[in-house]
């Protein structure tokens, strides 16, 4: 039976603008001036552990141990008071006839907070997967393969909805169908092209397109 796997940030919830604004602030405080747009290009789709490792490579030095925790705390506060669902996502999910789950680079705490704040938690229940469960985050296929295995779905029966090139690459590497989404606030003019370039079978700009897009690939 078909399984729809949703990335969370930038697909279900409109969080990437908030998260990358804080990442830009973090990098600037650490001595490398960066805009939110630049942070998105560099860090988009990555887990926090991968973000911190990449940040150390960019800075050429080790980051203090408390930086990641401080960033996570600041982001949680912003999400709690400012986060909104992606426009039309509730109606799109409700229209699906296949099973569904979430597989995100974020921690369980951030995923649950995001879903609860936006009222999306009832759509997924306990069917939530985090990159903290696997050895390698996106663009490695590990997270999506874990979700499929746990949900008893063959990779070829899975459709992944992703907003980042790293996420699409992960889905393709897992042998799954990837649908790109460009309709969140962080979507840039070239995002559709970048998603298609790494293997998105279809790219949509609005959530009302999602049910038909998924139905095209599943029986």
Protein backbone atom coordinates (compact mmCIF):
# COMPACT_ATOMS: atom_id res chain seq x y z
CA UNK A 1 0.00 0.00 0.00
CA UNK A 2 1.31 3.45 -0.93
CA UNK A 3 2.91 5.69 1.67
CA UNK A 4 3.23 9.48 1.52
CA UNK A 5 6.28 10.68 3.43
CA UNK A 6 6.35 14.38 4.29
CA UNK A 7 9.34 16.44 5.17
CA UNK A 8 8.29 18.85 7.92
CA UNK A 9 10.08 22.19 7.65
CA UNK A 10 9.09 24.04 4.51
CA UNK A 11 6.52 21.41 3.51
CA UNK A 12 4.10 21.06 6.42
CA UNK A 13 5.12 24.14 8.38
CA UNK A 14 6.46 27.47 7.16
CA UNK A 15 9.54 27.42 9.35
CA UNK A 16 12.53 27.82 7.06
CA UNK A 17 12.45 31.63 7.11
CA UNK A 18 12.47 31.59 10.92
CA UNK A 19 15.13 28.91 11.24
CA UNK A 20 17.54 30.34 8.70
CA UNK A 21 17.23 33.87 10.05
CA UNK A 22 18.47 32.50 13.37
CA UNK A 23 21.20 30.46 11.66
CA UNK A 24 22.38 33.63 9.94
CA UNK A 25 22.45 35.40 13.30
CA UNK A 26 24.41 32.49 14.79
CA UNK A 27 27.01 32.56 12.03
CA UNK A 28 27.31 36.34 12.22
CA UNK A 29 27.82 36.15 16.00
CA UNK A 30 30.53 33.54 15.40
CA UNK A 31 32.37 35.88 13.06
CA UNK A 32 31.06 35.01 9.58
CA UNK A 33 28.47 37.57 8.44
CA UNK A 34 25.60 35.80 6.67
CA UNK A 35 22.08 36.62 5.50
CA UNK A 36 19.07 34.36 5.98
CA UNK A 37 19.04 33.69 2.22
CA UNK A 38 22.68 32.62 2.32
CA UNK A 39 22.03 30.41 5.34
CA UNK A 40 19.21 28.69 3.48
CA UNK A 41 21.43 28.00 0.48
CA UNK A 42 24.18 26.56 2.67
CA UNK A 43 22.28 24.77 5.42
CA UNK A 44 18.82 24.05 3.98
CA UNK A 45 17.57 20.51 4.58
CA UNK A 46 20.34 19.54 7.02
CA UNK A 47 20.08 18.26 10.58
CA UNK A 48 21.38 20.50 13.37
CA UNK A 49 24.38 18.23 13.91
CA UNK A 50 25.26 18.48 10.21
CA UNK A 51 24.68 22.25 10.29
CA UNK A 52 27.11 22.65 13.18
CA UNK A 53 29.73 20.45 11.50
CA UNK A 54 29.44 22.43 8.28
CA UNK A 55 29.58 25.70 10.21
CA UNK A 56 32.86 24.57 11.77
CA UNK A 57 34.24 23.83 8.30
CA UNK A 58 33.22 27.30 7.11
CA UNK A 59 34.68 29.02 10.16
CA UNK A 60 37.79 26.87 10.22
CA UNK A 61 37.53 26.27 13.95
CA UNK A 62 35.51 24.43 16.57
CA UNK A 63 32.24 25.99 17.69
CA UNK A 64 31.66 26.35 21.46
CA UNK A 65 29.63 23.46 22.85
CA UNK A 66 26.70 25.63 23.95
CA UNK A 67 26.05 27.21 20.55
CA UNK A 68 23.83 24.43 19.22
CA UNK A 69 21.76 24.30 22.39
CA UNK A 70 21.35 28.07 22.45
CA UNK A 71 20.23 28.07 18.81
CA UNK A 72 17.70 25.28 19.46
CA UNK A 73 16.27 27.13 22.46
CA UNK A 74 15.92 30.40 20.55
CA UNK A 75 14.30 28.63 17.62
CA UNK A 76 11.82 26.76 19.83
CA UNK A 77 10.66 30.06 21.30
CA UNK A 78 10.13 31.58 17.85
CA UNK A 79 8.32 28.50 16.58
CA UNK A 80 5.98 28.44 19.55
CA UNK A 81 4.81 32.01 18.95
CA UNK A 82 5.32 32.64 15.22
CA UNK A 83 5.06 29.35 13.32
CA UNK A 84 2.23 28.84 10.81
CA UNK A 85 1.25 25.81 8.74
CA UNK A 86 1.98 25.94 5.03
CA UNK A 87 -1.09 27.40 3.35
CA UNK A 88 -3.61 24.74 2.37
CA UNK A 89 -1.71 21.82 3.86
CA UNK A 90 -4.51 20.65 6.18
CA UNK A 91 -6.95 20.32 3.29
CA UNK A 92 -4.35 18.60 1.12
CA UNK A 93 -3.54 15.97 3.75
CA UNK A 94 -7.21 15.37 4.50
CA UNK A 95 -7.80 14.64 0.81
CA UNK A 96 -5.18 11.89 0.65
CA UNK A 97 -6.30 8.27 0.57
CA UNK A 98 -2.88 6.71 1.21
CA UNK A 99 -1.03 6.29 4.49
CA UNK A 100 1.25 9.10 5.62
CA UNK A 101 4.13 9.91 7.95
CA UNK A 102 6.69 12.64 8.65
CA UNK A 103 10.45 12.20 8.15
CA UNK A 104 12.44 15.30 9.05
CA UNK A 105 16.02 16.41 9.62
CA UNK A 106 14.80 18.11 12.80
CA UNK A 107 14.83 16.60 16.28
CA UNK A 108 11.74 14.87 17.66
CA UNK A 109 11.19 17.80 20.01
CA UNK A 110 11.15 20.32 17.18
CA UNK A 111 8.96 18.15 14.93
CA UNK A 112 6.38 17.60 17.65
CA UNK A 113 6.37 21.27 18.62
CA UNK A 114 5.92 22.31 15.00
CA UNK A 115 3.04 19.89 14.42
CA UNK A 116 1.31 20.77 17.68
CA UNK A 117 1.59 24.55 17.23
CA UNK A 118 0.15 24.35 13.71
CA UNK A 119 -2.61 21.85 14.51
CA UNK A 120 -1.15 19.16 12.25
CA UNK A 121 -0.27 16.60 14.92
CA UNK A 122 -3.56 14.62 14.63
CA UNK A 123 -2.84 13.89 10.97
CA UNK A 124 0.30 11.88 11.82
CA UNK A 125 0.00 10.53 15.38
CA UNK A 126 3.16 8.62 16.26
CA UNK A 127 4.24 8.19 12.65
CA UNK A 128 7.14 10.62 12.99
CA UNK A 129 10.79 9.98 12.11
CA UNK A 130 13.82 12.13 12.89
CA UNK A 131 17.33 12.26 11.46
CA UNK A 132 18.53 11.72 15.03
CA UNK A 133 17.55 8.06 14.53
CA UNK A 134 20.00 7.40 11.70
CA UNK A 135 23.74 7.57 11.18
CA UNK A 136 23.60 9.77 8.10
CA UNK A 137 21.18 12.63 7.43
CA UNK A 138 19.96 13.90 4.07
CA UNK A 139 21.11 13.63 1.29
CA UNK A 140 21.78 10.05 2.45
CA UNK A 141 18.69 7.83 2.07
CA UNK A 142 18.87 6.46 5.65
CA UNK A 143 15.98 8.45 7.13
CA UNK A 144 13.54 7.69 4.34
CA UNK A 145 14.48 4.03 4.32
CA UNK A 146 13.90 3.89 8.09
CA UNK A 147 10.45 5.44 7.66
CA UNK A 148 9.50 2.99 4.90
CA UNK A 149 10.80 -0.01 6.81
CA UNK A 150 8.97 0.96 10.01
CA UNK A 151 5.76 1.67 8.10
CA UNK A 152 6.09 -1.67 6.24
CA UNK A 153 6.19 -0.02 2.83
CA UNK A 154 8.46 -0.88 -0.08
CA UNK A 155 10.59 2.09 -1.19
CA UNK A 156 9.05 1.93 -4.65
CA UNK A 157 5.61 2.46 -3.10
CA UNK A 158 6.66 5.65 -1.30
CA UNK A 159 6.11 9.23 -2.47
CA UNK A 160 8.21 11.84 -0.68
CA UNK A 161 7.21 15.51 -0.52
CA UNK A 162 10.28 17.72 -0.17
CA UNK A 163 11.25 21.39 -0.43
CA UNK A 164 15.06 21.06 -0.47
CA UNK A 165 17.45 19.64 -3.05
CA UNK A 166 19.12 17.61 -0.28
CA UNK A 167 15.78 16.05 0.64
CA UNK A 168 14.87 15.24 -2.95
CA UNK A 169 18.31 13.66 -3.43
CA UNK A 170 17.72 11.54 -0.32
CA UNK A 171 14.37 10.33 -1.62
CA UNK A 172 15.81 9.46 -5.02
CA UNK A 173 18.72 7.61 -3.38
CA UNK A 174 16.16 5.61 -1.38
CA UNK A 175 14.43 4.50 -4.59
CA UNK A 176 11.34 6.60 -3.89
CA UNK A 177 9.33 9.05 -5.98
CA UNK A 178 10.05 12.66 -5.04
CA UNK A 179 7.59 15.53 -5.41
CA UNK A 180 9.16 18.95 -4.98
CA UNK A 181 7.29 21.76 -3.22
CA UNK A 182 8.11 25.43 -3.70
CA UNK A 183 5.14 27.15 -2.04
CA UNK A 184 6.52 28.03 1.40
CA UNK A 185 7.78 31.52 2.21
CA UNK A 186 11.42 30.66 1.55
CA UNK A 187 10.79 29.46 -2.00
CA UNK A 188 13.10 31.19 -4.47
CA UNK A 189 12.63 31.75 -8.18
CA UNK A 190 15.08 28.97 -9.04
CA UNK A 191 13.92 26.41 -6.47
CA UNK A 192 11.70 24.44 -8.86
CA UNK A 193 14.58 24.07 -11.29
CA UNK A 194 16.96 22.97 -8.53
CA UNK A 195 14.49 20.37 -7.22
CA UNK A 196 13.90 18.97 -10.69
CA UNK A 197 17.64 18.86 -11.36
CA UNK A 198 18.22 16.42 -8.50
CA UNK A 199 15.36 14.13 -9.42
CA UNK A 200 11.95 15.50 -8.40
CA UNK A 201 9.45 13.76 -10.68
CA UNK A 202 7.03 16.65 -10.32
CA UNK A 203 7.28 20.08 -8.69
CA UNK A 204 4.23 21.85 -7.27
CA UNK A 205 3.86 25.44 -6.09
CA UNK A 206 0.68 25.07 -4.01
CA UNK A 207 -0.70 22.42 -1.67
CA UNK A 208 -3.99 22.14 -3.54
CA UNK A 209 -1.96 20.43 -6.28
CA UNK A 210 -0.66 17.73 -3.94
CA UNK A 211 -3.49 15.13 -3.86
CA UNK A 212 -3.57 14.84 -7.65
CA UNK A 213 0.22 14.83 -7.86
CA UNK A 214 0.44 11.91 -5.43
CA UNK A 215 -2.45 10.08 -7.12
CA UNK A 216 -0.53 10.28 -10.39
CA UNK A 217 2.17 8.04 -8.94
CA UNK A 218 0.22 5.63 -6.71
CA UNK A 219 -2.56 3.22 -7.48
